[in-house]
PDB file of N, CA and C in Angstrom:
ATOM      1  N   MET A   1      13.429   1.457  10.519  1.00  0.00           N
ATOM      2  CA  MET A   1      12.782   1.427   9.227  1.00  0.00           C
ATOM      3  C   MET A   1      12.302   0.093   8.697  1.00  0.00           C
ATOM      4  N   GLU A   2      13.262  -0.602   8.076  1.00  0.00           N
ATOM      5  CA  GLU A   2      12.990  -1.881   7.280  1.00  0.00           C
ATOM      6  C   GLU A   2      12.401  -2.875   8.157  1.00  0.00           C
ATOM      7  N   GLU A   3      12.975  -2.823   9.368  1.00  0.00           N
ATOM      8  CA  GLU A   3      12.619  -3.511  10.512  1.00  0.00           C
ATOM      9  C   GLU A   3      11.293  -3.372  11.000  1.00  0.00           C
ATOM     10  N   ASP A   4      11.018  -2.015  11.010  1.00  0.00           N
ATOM     11  CA  ASP A   4       9.590  -1.484  11.381  1.00  0.00           C
ATOM     12  C   ASP A   4       8.428  -2.204  10.401  1.00  0.00           C
ATOM     13  N   VAL A   5       8.918  -1.945   9.196  1.00  0.00           N
ATOM     14  CA  VAL A   5       8.013  -2.630   8.238  1.00  0.00           C
ATOM     15  C   VAL A   5       7.738  -3.812   8.367  1.00  0.00           C
ATOM     16  N   GLN A   6       8.639  -4.627   8.666  1.00  0.00           N
ATOM     17  CA  GLN A   6       8.482  -6.265   8.777  1.00  0.00           C
ATOM     18  C   GLN A   6       7.796  -6.343  10.153  1.00  0.00           C
ATOM     19  N   GLU A   7       7.935  -5.734  11.219  1.00  0.00           N
ATOM     20  CA  GLU A   7       6.983  -5.908  12.225  1.00  0.00           C
ATOM     21  C   GLU A   7       5.571  -5.407  12.020  1.00  0.00           C
ATOM     22  N   PHE A   8       5.408  -4.425  11.078  1.00  0.00           N
ATOM     23  CA  PHE A   8       4.004  -3.902  10.645  1.00  0.00           C
ATOM     24  C   PHE A   8       3.418  -5.063  10.098  1.00  0.00           C
ATOM     25  N   TYR A   9       4.075  -5.676   9.258  1.00  0.00           N
ATOM     26  CA  TYR A   9       3.525  -6.875   8.401  1.00  0.00           C
ATOM     27  C   TYR A   9       3.090  -7.996   9.083  1.00  0.00           C
ATOM     28  N   ARG A  10       3.928  -8.226  10.324  1.00  0.00           N
ATOM     29  CA  ARG A  10       3.794  -9.322  11.459  1.00  0.00           C
ATOM     30  C   ARG A  10       2.371  -9.047  12.184  1.00  0.00           C
ATOM     31  N   LYS A  11       2.370  -7.881  12.590  1.00  0.00           N
ATOM     32  CA  LYS A  11       1.343  -7.520  13.481  1.00  0.00           C
ATOM     33  C   LYS A  11      -0.230  -7.118  12.661  1.00  0.00           C
ATOM     34  N   TRP A  12      -0.067  -6.947  11.478  1.00  0.00           N
ATOM     35  CA  TRP A  12      -1.067  -6.480  10.707  1.00  0.00           C
ATOM     36  C   TRP A  12      -2.308  -7.435  10.907  1.00  0.00           C
ATOM     37  N   LYS A  13      -2.033  -8.688  10.548  1.00  0.00           N
ATOM     38  CA  LYS A  13      -3.248  -9.823  10.622  1.00  0.00           C
ATOM     39  C   LYS A  13      -4.015  -9.749  12.115  1.00  0.00           C
ATOM     40  N   LYS A  14      -3.286  -9.323  13.110  1.00  0.00           N
ATOM     41  CA  LYS A  14      -3.643  -9.351  14.359  1.00  0.00           C
ATOM     42  C   LYS A  14      -4.466  -8.271  14.601  1.00  0.00           C
ATOM     43  N   THR A  15      -4.110  -6.993  14.035  1.00  0.00           N
ATOM     44  CA  THR A  15      -4.689  -5.783  13.919  1.00  0.00           C
ATOM     45  C   THR A  15      -6.259  -5.795  13.337  1.00  0.00           C
ATOM     46  N   VAL A  16      -6.091  -6.563  12.267  1.00  0.00           N
ATOM     47  CA  VAL A  16      -7.426  -6.599  11.485  1.00  0.00           C
ATOM     48  C   VAL A  16      -8.327  -7.421  12.316  1.00  0.00           C
ATOM     49  N   GLY A  17      -7.801  -8.594  13.073  1.00  0.00           N
ATOM     50  CA  GLY A  17      -8.576  -9.451  13.828  1.00  0.00           C
ATOM     51  C   GLY A  17      -9.106  -8.895  14.881  1.00  0.00           C
ATOM     52  N   GLU A  18      -8.481  -7.724  15.483  1.00  0.00           N
ATOM     53  CA  GLU A  18      -8.937  -6.983  16.699  1.00  0.00           C
ATOM     54  C   GLU A  18      -9.948  -6.070  16.022  1.00  0.00           C
ATOM     55  N   MET A  19      -9.725  -5.375  14.997  1.00  0.00           N
ATOM     56  CA  MET A  19     -10.918  -4.555  14.472  1.00  0.00           C
ATOM     57  C   MET A  19     -12.130  -5.364  13.813  1.00  0.00           C
ATOM     58  N   GLN A  20     -11.806  -6.565  13.552  1.00  0.00           N
ATOM     59  CA  GLN A  20     -13.070  -7.321  13.165  1.00  0.00           C
ATOM     60  C   GLN A  20     -13.744  -7.641  14.455  1.00  0.00           C
ATOM     61  N   LYS A  21     -13.360  -7.874  15.823  1.00  0.00           N
ATOM     62  CA  LYS A  21     -14.015  -8.202  16.905  1.00  0.00           C
ATOM     63  C   LYS A  21     -14.883  -6.995  17.365  1.00  0.00           C
ATOM     64  N   GLU A  22     -14.209  -5.673  17.191  1.00  0.00           N
ATOM     65  CA  GLU A  22     -14.741  -4.283  17.418  1.00  0.00           C
ATOM     66  C   GLU A  22     -15.581  -3.678  16.545  1.00  0.00           C
ATOM     67  N   ALA A  23     -15.423  -4.032  15.448  1.00  0.00           N
ATOM     68  CA  ALA A  23     -15.874  -3.253  14.414  1.00  0.00           C
ATOM     69  C   ALA A  23     -16.246  -3.962  13.056  1.00  0.00           C
ATOM     70  N   SER A  24     -17.061  -5.039  13.324  1.00  0.00           N
ATOM     71  CA  SER A  24     -17.018  -6.247  12.172  1.00  0.00           C
ATOM     72  C   SER A  24     -17.927  -5.494  11.014  1.00  0.00           C
ATOM     73  N   ASP A  25     -18.876  -4.863  11.212  1.00  0.00           N
ATOM     74  CA  ASP A  25     -19.461  -4.277  10.067  1.00  0.00           C
ATOM     75  C   ASP A  25     -18.553  -3.518   9.122  1.00  0.00           C
ATOM     76  N   THR A  26     -17.678  -2.628   9.722  1.00  0.00           N
ATOM     77  CA  THR A  26     -17.005  -1.631   9.107  1.00  0.00           C
ATOM     78  C   THR A  26     -15.848  -2.471   8.397  1.00  0.00           C
ATOM     79  N   VAL A  27     -15.242  -3.582   8.912  1.00  0.00           N
ATOM     80  CA  VAL A  27     -14.138  -4.416   8.249  1.00  0.00           C
ATOM     81  C   VAL A  27     -14.747  -5.061   7.203  1.00  0.00           C
ATOM     82  N   GLU A  28     -15.617  -5.849   7.398  1.00  0.00           N
ATOM     83  CA  GLU A  28     -16.412  -6.511   6.251  1.00  0.00           C
ATOM     84  C   GLU A  28     -16.681  -5.453   5.152  1.00  0.00           C
ATOM     85  N   GLY A  29     -17.418  -4.476   5.415  1.00  0.00           N
ATOM     86  CA  GLY A  29     -17.854  -3.728   4.554  1.00  0.00           C
ATOM     87  C   GLY A  29     -16.726  -3.369   3.577  1.00  0.00           C
ATOM     88  N   PHE A  30     -15.420  -2.738   4.198  1.00  0.00           N
ATOM     89  CA  PHE A  30     -14.405  -2.219   3.543  1.00  0.00           C
ATOM     90  C   PHE A  30     -13.616  -3.536   2.725  1.00  0.00           C
ATOM     91  N   GLN A  31     -13.536  -4.526   3.375  1.00  0.00           N
ATOM     92  CA  GLN A  31     -12.905  -5.702   2.639  1.00  0.00           C
ATOM     93  C   GLN A  31     -13.834  -5.950   1.163  1.00  0.00           C
ATOM     94  N   THR A  32     -15.119  -5.918   1.372  1.00  0.00           N
ATOM     95  CA  THR A  32     -15.968  -6.291   0.153  1.00  0.00           C
ATOM     96  C   THR A  32     -15.508  -5.063  -0.905  1.00  0.00           C
ATOM     97  N   LEU A  33     -15.696  -3.954  -0.430  1.00  0.00           N
ATOM     98  CA  LEU A  33     -15.421  -2.764  -1.411  1.00  0.00           C
ATOM     99  C   LEU A  33     -14.070  -2.948  -1.739  1.00  0.00           C
ATOM    100  N   PHE A  34     -12.995  -3.196  -1.162  1.00  0.00           N
ATOM    101  CA  PHE A  34     -11.632  -3.480  -1.492  1.00  0.00           C
ATOM    102  C   PHE A  34     -11.511  -4.430  -2.628  1.00  0.00           C
ATOM    103  N   LYS A  35     -12.232  -5.711  -2.288  1.00  0.00           N
ATOM    104  CA  LYS A  35     -12.111  -6.874  -3.193  1.00  0.00           C
ATOM    105  C   LYS A  35     -12.496  -6.549  -4.597  1.00  0.00           C
ATOM    106  N   LYS A  36     -13.967  -5.817  -4.456  1.00  0.00           N
ATOM    107  CA  LYS A  36     -14.658  -5.558  -5.867  1.00  0.00           C
ATOM    108  C   LYS A  36     -13.978  -4.576  -6.604  1.00  0.00           C
ATOM    109  N   THR A  37     -13.405  -3.491  -5.738  1.00  0.00           N
ATOM    110  CA  THR A  37     -12.754  -2.246  -6.374  1.00  0.00           C
ATOM    111  C   THR A  37     -11.432  -2.846  -7.299  1.00  0.00           C
ATOM    112  N   MET A  38     -10.439  -3.503  -6.325  1.00  0.00           N
ATOM    113  CA  MET A  38      -9.060  -3.820  -6.628  1.00  0.00           C
ATOM    114  C   MET A  38      -8.946  -5.160  -7.598  1.00  0.00           C
ATOM    115  N   SER A  39      -9.994  -5.747  -8.146  1.00  0.00           N
ATOM    116  CA  SER A  39     -10.048  -6.888  -9.006  1.00  0.00           C
ATOM    117  C   SER A  39     -10.167  -6.428 -10.642  1.00  0.00           C
ATOM    118  N   ASP A  40      -9.420  -7.119 -11.425  1.00  0.00           N
ATOM    119  CA  ASP A  40      -9.203  -6.565 -12.705  1.00  0.00           C
ATOM    120  C   ASP A  40     -10.689  -6.371 -13.263  1.00  0.00           C
ATOM    121  N   GLY A  41     -10.579  -5.127 -13.837  1.00  0.00           N
ATOM    122  CA  GLY A  41     -11.709  -4.552 -14.836  1.00  0.00           C
ATOM    123  C   GLY A  41     -11.300  -3.821 -16.047  1.00  0.00           C
ATOM    124  N   ALA A  42     -11.618  -2.621 -16.237  1.00  0.00           N
ATOM    125  CA  ALA A  42     -10.894  -1.932 -17.277  1.00  0.00           C
ATOM    126  C   ALA A  42      -9.592  -1.582 -16.904  1.00  0.00           C
ATOM    127  N   LEU A  43      -9.224  -1.456 -15.507  1.00  0.00           N
ATOM    128  CA  LEU A  43      -7.685  -1.601 -15.226  1.00  0.00           C
ATOM    129  C   LEU A  43      -7.469  -2.602 -14.584  1.00  0.00           C
ATOM    130  N   SER A  44      -6.207  -3.084 -14.904  1.00  0.00           N
ATOM    131  CA  SER A  44      -5.720  -4.375 -14.371  1.00  0.00           C
ATOM    132  C   SER A  44      -5.446  -4.387 -12.738  1.00  0.00           C
ATOM    133  N   GLU A  45      -5.473  -5.232 -11.965  1.00  0.00           N
ATOM    134  CA  GLU A  45      -5.011  -5.203 -10.506  1.00  0.00           C
ATOM    135  C   GLU A  45      -3.698  -4.308 -10.291  1.00  0.00           C
ATOM    136  N   SER A  46      -2.824  -4.834 -11.161  1.00  0.00           N
ATOM    137  CA  SER A  46      -1.781  -4.034 -11.003  1.00  0.00           C
ATOM    138  C   SER A  46      -1.709  -2.689 -11.165  1.00  0.00           C
ATOM    139  N   GLU A  47      -2.423  -2.124 -12.319  1.00  0.00           N
ATOM    140  CA  GLU A  47      -2.556  -0.762 -12.515  1.00  0.00           C
ATOM    141  C   GLU A  47      -3.309  -0.189 -11.307  1.00  0.00           C
ATOM    142  N   LYS A  48      -4.328  -0.646 -10.544  1.00  0.00           N
ATOM    143  CA  LYS A  48      -5.052  -0.416  -9.656  1.00  0.00           C
ATOM    144  C   LYS A  48      -4.264  -0.271  -8.147  1.00  0.00           C
ATOM    145  N   GLU A  49      -3.139  -1.008  -8.207  1.00  0.00           N
ATOM    146  CA  GLU A  49      -2.197  -1.130  -7.143  1.00  0.00           C
ATOM    147  C   GLU A  49      -1.306  -0.104  -7.266  1.00  0.00           C
ATOM    148  N   CYS A  50      -0.911   0.534  -8.766  1.00  0.00           N
ATOM    149  CA  CYS A  50      -0.131   1.793  -8.717  1.00  0.00           C
ATOM    150  C   CYS A  50      -0.911   2.869  -8.430  1.00  0.00           C
ATOM    151  N   VAL A  51      -2.121   3.077  -8.719  1.00  0.00           N
ATOM    152  CA  VAL A  51      -2.838   4.258  -8.141  1.00  0.00           C
ATOM    153  C   VAL A  51      -3.020   4.147  -6.923  1.00  0.00           C
ATOM    154  N   ALA A  52      -3.338   3.136  -6.120  1.00  0.00           N
ATOM    155  CA  ALA A  52      -3.525   2.927  -4.772  1.00  0.00           C
ATOM    156  C   ALA A  52      -2.108   3.627  -4.127  1.00  0.00           C
ATOM    157  N   LEU A  53      -1.297   3.001  -4.549  1.00  0.00           N
ATOM    158  CA  LEU A  53       0.196   3.333  -3.975  1.00  0.00           C
ATOM    159  C   LEU A  53       0.433   4.816  -4.198  1.00  0.00           C
ATOM    160  N   GLY A  54       0.238   5.120  -5.264  1.00  0.00           N
ATOM    161  CA  GLY A  54       0.354   6.880  -5.471  1.00  0.00           C
ATOM    162  C   GLY A  54      -0.412   7.750  -4.830  1.00  0.00           C
ATOM    163  N   ILE A  55      -1.701   7.440  -4.466  1.00  0.00           N
ATOM    164  CA  ILE A  55      -2.542   8.214  -3.530  1.00  0.00           C
ATOM    165  C   ILE A  55      -1.993   7.920  -2.080  1.00  0.00           C
ATOM    166  N   ALA A  56      -1.631   7.015  -1.606  1.00  0.00           N
ATOM    167  CA  ALA A  56      -1.062   6.518  -0.260  1.00  0.00           C
ATOM    168  C   ALA A  56       0.319   7.299  -0.168  1.00  0.00           C
ATOM    169  N   VAL A  57       1.151   7.659  -1.255  1.00  0.00           N
ATOM    170  CA  VAL A  57       2.307   8.242  -1.049  1.00  0.00           C
ATOM    171  C   VAL A  57       1.857   9.831  -0.818  1.00  0.00           C
ATOM    172  N   ALA A  58       1.089  10.333  -1.622  1.00  0.00           N
ATOM    173  CA  ALA A  58       0.577  11.547  -1.820  1.00  0.00           C
ATOM    174  C   ALA A  58      -0.127  12.187  -0.514  1.00  0.00           C
ATOM    175  N   THR A  59      -0.938  11.183   0.023  1.00  0.00           N
ATOM    176  CA  THR A  59      -1.505  11.412   1.284  1.00  0.00           C
ATOM    177  C   THR A  59      -0.850  11.074   2.524  1.00  0.00           C
ATOM    178  N   GLN A  60       0.531  10.704   2.458  1.00  0.00           N
ATOM    179  CA  GLN A  60       1.402  10.318   3.465  1.00  0.00           C
ATOM    180  C   GLN A  60       0.827   9.323   4.453  1.00  0.00           C
ATOM    181  N   CYS A  61       0.034   8.410   3.910  1.00  0.00           N
ATOM    182  CA  CYS A  61      -0.489   7.285   4.624  1.00  0.00           C
ATOM    183  C   CYS A  61       0.439   6.063   4.878  1.00  0.00           C
ATOM    184  N   VAL A  62       1.222   6.059   6.006  1.00  0.00           N
ATOM    185  CA  VAL A  62       2.426   4.882   5.991  1.00  0.00           C
ATOM    186  C   VAL A  62       1.754   3.626   6.194  1.00  0.00           C
ATOM    187  N   PRO A  63       0.672   3.394   6.752  1.00  0.00           N
ATOM    188  CA  PRO A  63       0.231   2.021   6.608  1.00  0.00           C
ATOM    189  C   PRO A  63      -0.439   1.667   5.320  1.00  0.00           C
ATOM    190  N   CYS A  64      -0.800   2.536   4.586  1.00  0.00           N
ATOM    191  CA  CYS A  64      -1.192   2.337   3.124  1.00  0.00           C
ATOM    192  C   CYS A  64      -0.125   1.970   2.314  1.00  0.00           C
ATOM    193  N   ILE A  65       0.977   3.008   2.463  1.00  0.00           N
ATOM    194  CA  ILE A  65       2.073   2.669   1.634  1.00  0.00           C
ATOM    195  C   ILE A  65       2.562   1.081   1.832  1.00  0.00           C
ATOM    196  N   ARG A  66       2.701   0.854   2.977  1.00  0.00           N
ATOM    197  CA  ARG A  66       3.182  -0.335   3.222  1.00  0.00           C
ATOM    198  C   ARG A  66       2.585  -1.724   2.644  1.00  0.00           C
ATOM    199  N   LEU A  67       1.140  -1.365   2.974  1.00  0.00           N
ATOM    200  CA  LEU A  67       0.319  -2.580   2.387  1.00  0.00           C
ATOM    201  C   LEU A  67       0.188  -2.581   0.917  1.00  0.00           C
ATOM    202  N   HIS A  68       0.126  -1.316   0.352  1.00  0.00           N
ATOM    203  CA  HIS A  68       0.177  -1.395  -1.215  1.00  0.00           C
ATOM    204  C   HIS A  68       1.583  -1.561  -1.914  1.00  0.00           C
ATOM    205  N   VAL A  69       2.647  -1.299  -1.512  1.00  0.00           N
ATOM    206  CA  VAL A  69       3.714  -1.918  -1.941  1.00  0.00           C
ATOM    207  C   VAL A  69       3.903  -3.349  -1.858  1.00  0.00           C
ATOM    208  N   LYS A  70       3.445  -4.007  -0.992  1.00  0.00           N
ATOM    209  CA  LYS A  70       3.548  -5.232  -0.757  1.00  0.00           C
ATOM    210  C   LYS A  70       2.469  -6.040  -1.957  1.00  0.00           C
ATOM    211  N   LYS A  71       1.300  -5.407  -1.900  1.00  0.00           N
ATOM    212  CA  LYS A  71       0.414  -5.905  -2.800  1.00  0.00           C
ATOM    213  C   LYS A  71       0.615  -5.472  -4.276  1.00  0.00           C
ATOM    214  N   ALA A  72       1.255  -4.482  -4.548  1.00  0.00           N
ATOM    215  CA  ALA A  72       1.720  -4.054  -5.815  1.00  0.00           C
ATOM    216  C   ALA A  72       2.830  -5.187  -6.455  1.00  0.00           C
ATOM    217  N   LEU A  73       3.485  -5.680  -5.606  1.00  0.00           N
ATOM    218  CA  LEU A  73       4.639  -6.440  -5.955  1.00  0.00           C
ATOM    219  C   LEU A  73       3.867  -8.011  -6.156  1.00  0.00           C
ATOM    220  N   GLN A  74       2.903  -8.258  -5.119  1.00  0.00           N
ATOM    221  CA  GLN A  74       2.240  -9.577  -5.415  1.00  0.00           C
ATOM    222  C   GLN A  74       1.393  -9.446  -6.842  1.00  0.00           C
ATOM    223  N   ALA A  75       0.989  -8.386  -7.340  1.00  0.00           N
ATOM    224  CA  ALA A  75       0.279  -8.250  -8.406  1.00  0.00           C
ATOM    225  C   ALA A  75       1.323  -8.033  -9.686  1.00  0.00           C
ATOM    226  N   GLY A  76       2.643  -8.137  -9.603  1.00  0.00           N
ATOM    227  CA  GLY A  76       3.478  -8.194 -10.627  1.00  0.00           C
ATOM    228  C   GLY A  76       4.136  -6.788 -10.980  1.00  0.00           C
ATOM    229  N   VAL A  77       3.779  -5.771 -10.180  1.00  0.00           N
ATOM    230  CA  VAL A  77       4.538  -4.626 -10.336  1.00  0.00           C
ATOM    231  C   VAL A  77       5.968  -4.555 -10.041  1.00  0.00           C
ATOM    232  N   SER A  78       6.874  -4.109 -10.839  1.00  0.00           N
ATOM    233  CA  SER A  78       8.145  -4.102 -10.826  1.00  0.00           C
ATOM    234  C   SER A  78       8.738  -3.087  -9.637  1.00  0.00           C
ATOM    235  N   ARG A  79       9.827  -3.418  -9.104  1.00  0.00           N
ATOM    236  CA  ARG A  79      10.454  -2.230  -8.431  1.00  0.00           C
ATOM    237  C   ARG A  79      10.643  -0.582  -9.054  1.00  0.00           C
ATOM    238  N   GLU A  80      10.931  -0.978 -10.271  1.00  0.00           N
ATOM    239  CA  GLU A  80      11.225   0.088 -11.120  1.00  0.00           C
ATOM    240  C   GLU A  80       9.829   0.909 -11.459  1.00  0.00           C
ATOM    241  N   GLN A  81       8.813   0.250 -11.709  1.00  0.00           N
ATOM    242  CA  GLN A  81       7.258   0.905 -11.768  1.00  0.00           C
ATOM    243  C   GLN A  81       6.968   1.471 -10.366  1.00  0.00           C
ATOM    244  N   ILE A  82       7.094   0.963  -9.334  1.00  0.00           N
ATOM    245  CA  ILE A  82       6.763   1.388  -7.904  1.00  0.00           C
ATOM    246  C   ILE A  82       7.415   2.729  -7.910  1.00  0.00           C
ATOM    247  N   LEU A  83       8.869   2.884  -8.047  1.00  0.00           N
ATOM    248  CA  LEU A  83       9.660   4.250  -7.998  1.00  0.00           C
ATOM    249  C   LEU A  83       9.188   5.170  -8.954  1.00  0.00           C
ATOM    250  N   GLU A  84       8.483   4.799  -9.856  1.00  0.00           N
ATOM    251  CA  GLU A  84       8.056   5.760 -10.873  1.00  0.00           C
ATOM    252  C   GLU A  84       6.764   6.320 -10.404  1.00  0.00           C
ATOM    253  N   VAL A  85       6.151   5.357  -9.737  1.00  0.00           N
ATOM    254  CA  VAL A  85       4.759   5.855  -8.882  1.00  0.00           C
ATOM    255  C   VAL A  85       5.118   6.849  -8.086  1.00  0.00           C
ATOM    256  N   CYS A  86       6.212   6.541  -7.253  1.00  0.00           N
ATOM    257  CA  CYS A  86       6.686   7.709  -6.207  1.00  0.00           C
ATOM    258  C   CYS A  86       6.934   8.981  -6.832  1.00  0.00           C
ATOM    259  N   GLY A  87       7.517   8.946  -8.102  1.00  0.00           N
ATOM    260  CA  GLY A  87       7.851  10.253  -8.763  1.00  0.00           C
ATOM    261  C   GLY A  87       6.565  11.194  -9.095  1.00  0.00           C
ATOM    262  N   VAL A  88       5.624  10.254  -9.627  1.00  0.00           N
ATOM    263  CA  VAL A  88       4.137  10.895 -10.017  1.00  0.00           C
ATOM    264  C   VAL A  88       3.522  11.510  -8.546  1.00  0.00           C
ATOM    265  N   ALA A  89       3.775  10.542  -7.723  1.00  0.00           N
ATOM    266  CA  ALA A  89       2.892  11.211  -6.483  1.00  0.00           C
ATOM    267  C   ALA A  89       3.629  12.370  -5.823  1.00  0.00           C
ATOM    268  N   THR A  90       5.064  12.502  -5.961  1.00  0.00           N
ATOM    269  CA  THR A  90       5.714  13.620  -5.530  1.00  0.00           C
ATOM    270  C   THR A  90       5.482  14.743  -6.561  1.00  0.00           C
ATOM    271  N   MET A  91       5.197  14.543  -7.717  1.00  0.00           N
ATOM    272  CA  MET A  91       4.931  15.598  -8.641  1.00  0.00           C
ATOM    273  C   MET A  91       3.556  16.253  -8.208  1.00  0.00           C
ATOM    274  N   MET A  92       2.708  15.184  -7.779  1.00  0.00           N
ATOM    275  CA  MET A  92       1.255  15.715  -7.564  1.00  0.00           C
ATOM    276  C   MET A  92       1.120  16.288  -5.980  1.00  0.00           C
ATOM    277  N   GLY A  93       1.834  15.808  -5.329  1.00  0.00           N
ATOM    278  CA  GLY A  93       1.878  15.947  -3.726  1.00  0.00           C
ATOM    279  C   GLY A  93       3.112  16.754  -3.205  1.00  0.00           C
ATOM    280  N   GLY A  94       3.932  17.206  -4.053  1.00  0.00           N
ATOM    281  CA  GLY A  94       5.365  17.968  -3.323  1.00  0.00           C
ATOM    282  C   GLY A  94       6.146  17.585  -2.411  1.00  0.00           C
ATOM    283  N   GLY A  95       6.767  18.227  -1.474  1.00  0.00           N
ATOM    284  CA  GLY A  95       7.525  17.636  -0.449  1.00  0.00           C
ATOM    285  C   GLY A  95       7.126  16.674   0.461  1.00  0.00           C
ATOM    286  N   PRO A  96       5.871  16.822   0.806  1.00  0.00           N
ATOM    287  CA  PRO A  96       5.409  15.864   2.077  1.00  0.00           C
ATOM    288  C   PRO A  96       5.256  14.529   1.114  1.00  0.00           C
ATOM    289  N   ALA A  97       5.000  14.385   0.031  1.00  0.00           N
ATOM    290  CA  ALA A  97       5.167  12.992  -0.767  1.00  0.00           C
ATOM    291  C   ALA A  97       6.442  12.536  -1.043  1.00  0.00           C
ATOM    292  N   TYR A  98       7.325  13.697  -1.396  1.00  0.00           N
ATOM    293  CA  TYR A  98       8.671  13.192  -1.556  1.00  0.00           C
ATOM    294  C   TYR A  98       9.217  12.521  -0.291  1.00  0.00           C
ATOM    295  N   THR A  99       9.041  13.187   0.691  1.00  0.00           N
ATOM    296  CA  THR A  99       9.600  12.565   2.074  1.00  0.00           C
ATOM    297  C   THR A  99       9.138  10.886   2.399  1.00  0.00           C
ATOM    298  N   HIS A 100       8.059  10.702   1.811  1.00  0.00           N
ATOM    299  CA  HIS A 100       7.635   9.179   2.046  1.00  0.00           C
ATOM    300  C   HIS A 100       7.856   8.406   1.186  1.00  0.00           C
ATOM    301  N   THR A 101       8.829   8.917   0.173  1.00  0.00           N
ATOM    302  CA  THR A 101       9.454   7.843  -0.851  1.00  0.00           C
ATOM    303  C   THR A 101      10.232   6.894  -0.132  1.00  0.00           C
ATOM    304  N   GLN A 102      10.940   7.515   1.206  1.00  0.00           N
ATOM    305  CA  GLN A 102      11.686   6.665   1.953  1.00  0.00           C
ATOM    306  C   GLN A 102      10.887   5.370   2.489  1.00  0.00           C
ATOM    307  N   GLU A 103       9.727   5.704   2.861  1.00  0.00           N
ATOM    308  CA  GLU A 103       8.768   4.607   3.313  1.00  0.00           C
ATOM    309  C   GLU A 103       8.495   3.493   2.341  1.00  0.00           C
ATOM    310  N   VAL A 104       8.361   3.796   1.094  1.00  0.00           N
ATOM    311  CA  VAL A 104       8.325   2.764  -0.156  1.00  0.00           C
ATOM    312  C   VAL A 104       9.545   2.183  -0.207  1.00  0.00           C
ATOM    313  N   LEU A 105      10.586   2.801  -0.150  1.00  0.00           N
ATOM    314  CA  LEU A 105      12.068   2.043  -0.316  1.00  0.00           C
ATOM    315  C   LEU A 105      12.115   0.924   1.091  1.00  0.00           C
ATOM    316  N   ASP A 106      11.738   1.418   2.064  1.00  0.00           N
ATOM    317  CA  ASP A 106      11.848   0.505   3.385  1.00  0.00           C
ATOM    318  C   ASP A 106      10.720  -0.742   3.131  1.00  0.00           C
ATOM    319  N   ALA A 107       9.633  -0.361   2.753  1.00  0.00           N
ATOM    320  CA  ALA A 107       8.521  -1.331   2.447  1.00  0.00           C
ATOM    321  C   ALA A 107       9.085  -2.330   1.184  1.00  0.00           C
ATOM    322  N   LEU A 108       9.772  -1.805   0.156  1.00  0.00           N
ATOM    323  CA  LEU A 108      10.318  -2.766  -0.749  1.00  0.00           C
ATOM    324  C   LEU A 108      11.291  -3.666  -0.288  1.00  0.00           C
ATOM    325  N   LYS A 109      12.287  -3.114   0.479  1.00  0.00           N
ATOM    326  CA  LYS A 109      13.250  -4.064   1.253  1.00  0.00           C
ATOM    327  C   LYS A 109      12.503  -4.943   2.006  1.00  0.00           C
ATOM    328  N   ALA A 110      11.663  -4.403   2.682  1.00  0.00           N
ATOM    329  CA  ALA A 110      11.235  -5.654   3.644  1.00  0.00           C
ATOM    330  C   ALA A 110      10.480  -6.610   2.828  1.00  0.00           C
ATOM    331  N   ALA A 111       9.543  -6.261   1.818  1.00  0.00           N
ATOM    332  CA  ALA A 111       8.587  -7.126   1.134  1.00  0.00           C
ATOM    333  C   ALA A 111       9.711  -8.128   0.516  1.00  0.00           C
ATOM    334  N   GLU A 112      10.739  -7.758  -0.086  1.00  0.00           N
ATOM    335  CA  GLU A 112      11.883  -8.356  -0.914  1.00  0.00           C
ATOM    336  C   GLU A 112      12.454  -9.567   0.000  1.00  0.00           C
ATOM    337  N   GLU A 113      12.646  -9.548   1.149  1.00  0.00           N
ATOM    338  CA  GLU A 113      13.226 -10.345   2.010  1.00  0.00           C
ATOM    339  C   GLU A 113      12.612 -11.530   2.378  1.00  0.00           C
TER     340      GLU A 113
END
């Protein structure tokens, strides 16, 4: 669980590096889109991270959950706010989103260490 998340964080940079070698246009294009989209605008970076995390939970994307929990914390989102995001995602996504709340809790524990 939490150990899996920590291992994921350790491996992520290597994973992106491998993707960069094999699909550089895709990686560069996505990174440009991500940076422009997630920077402050009408919504703050922290609000955008909450939206992204909610979508990740609702669509059950474990890597996205792990990455956006970490980014949300870095953007100043509190643990309480993150758990409320899970509640909204569960309301919208039902049982499958509900079961992924544990992924959020594991990512929170790993990021907090």
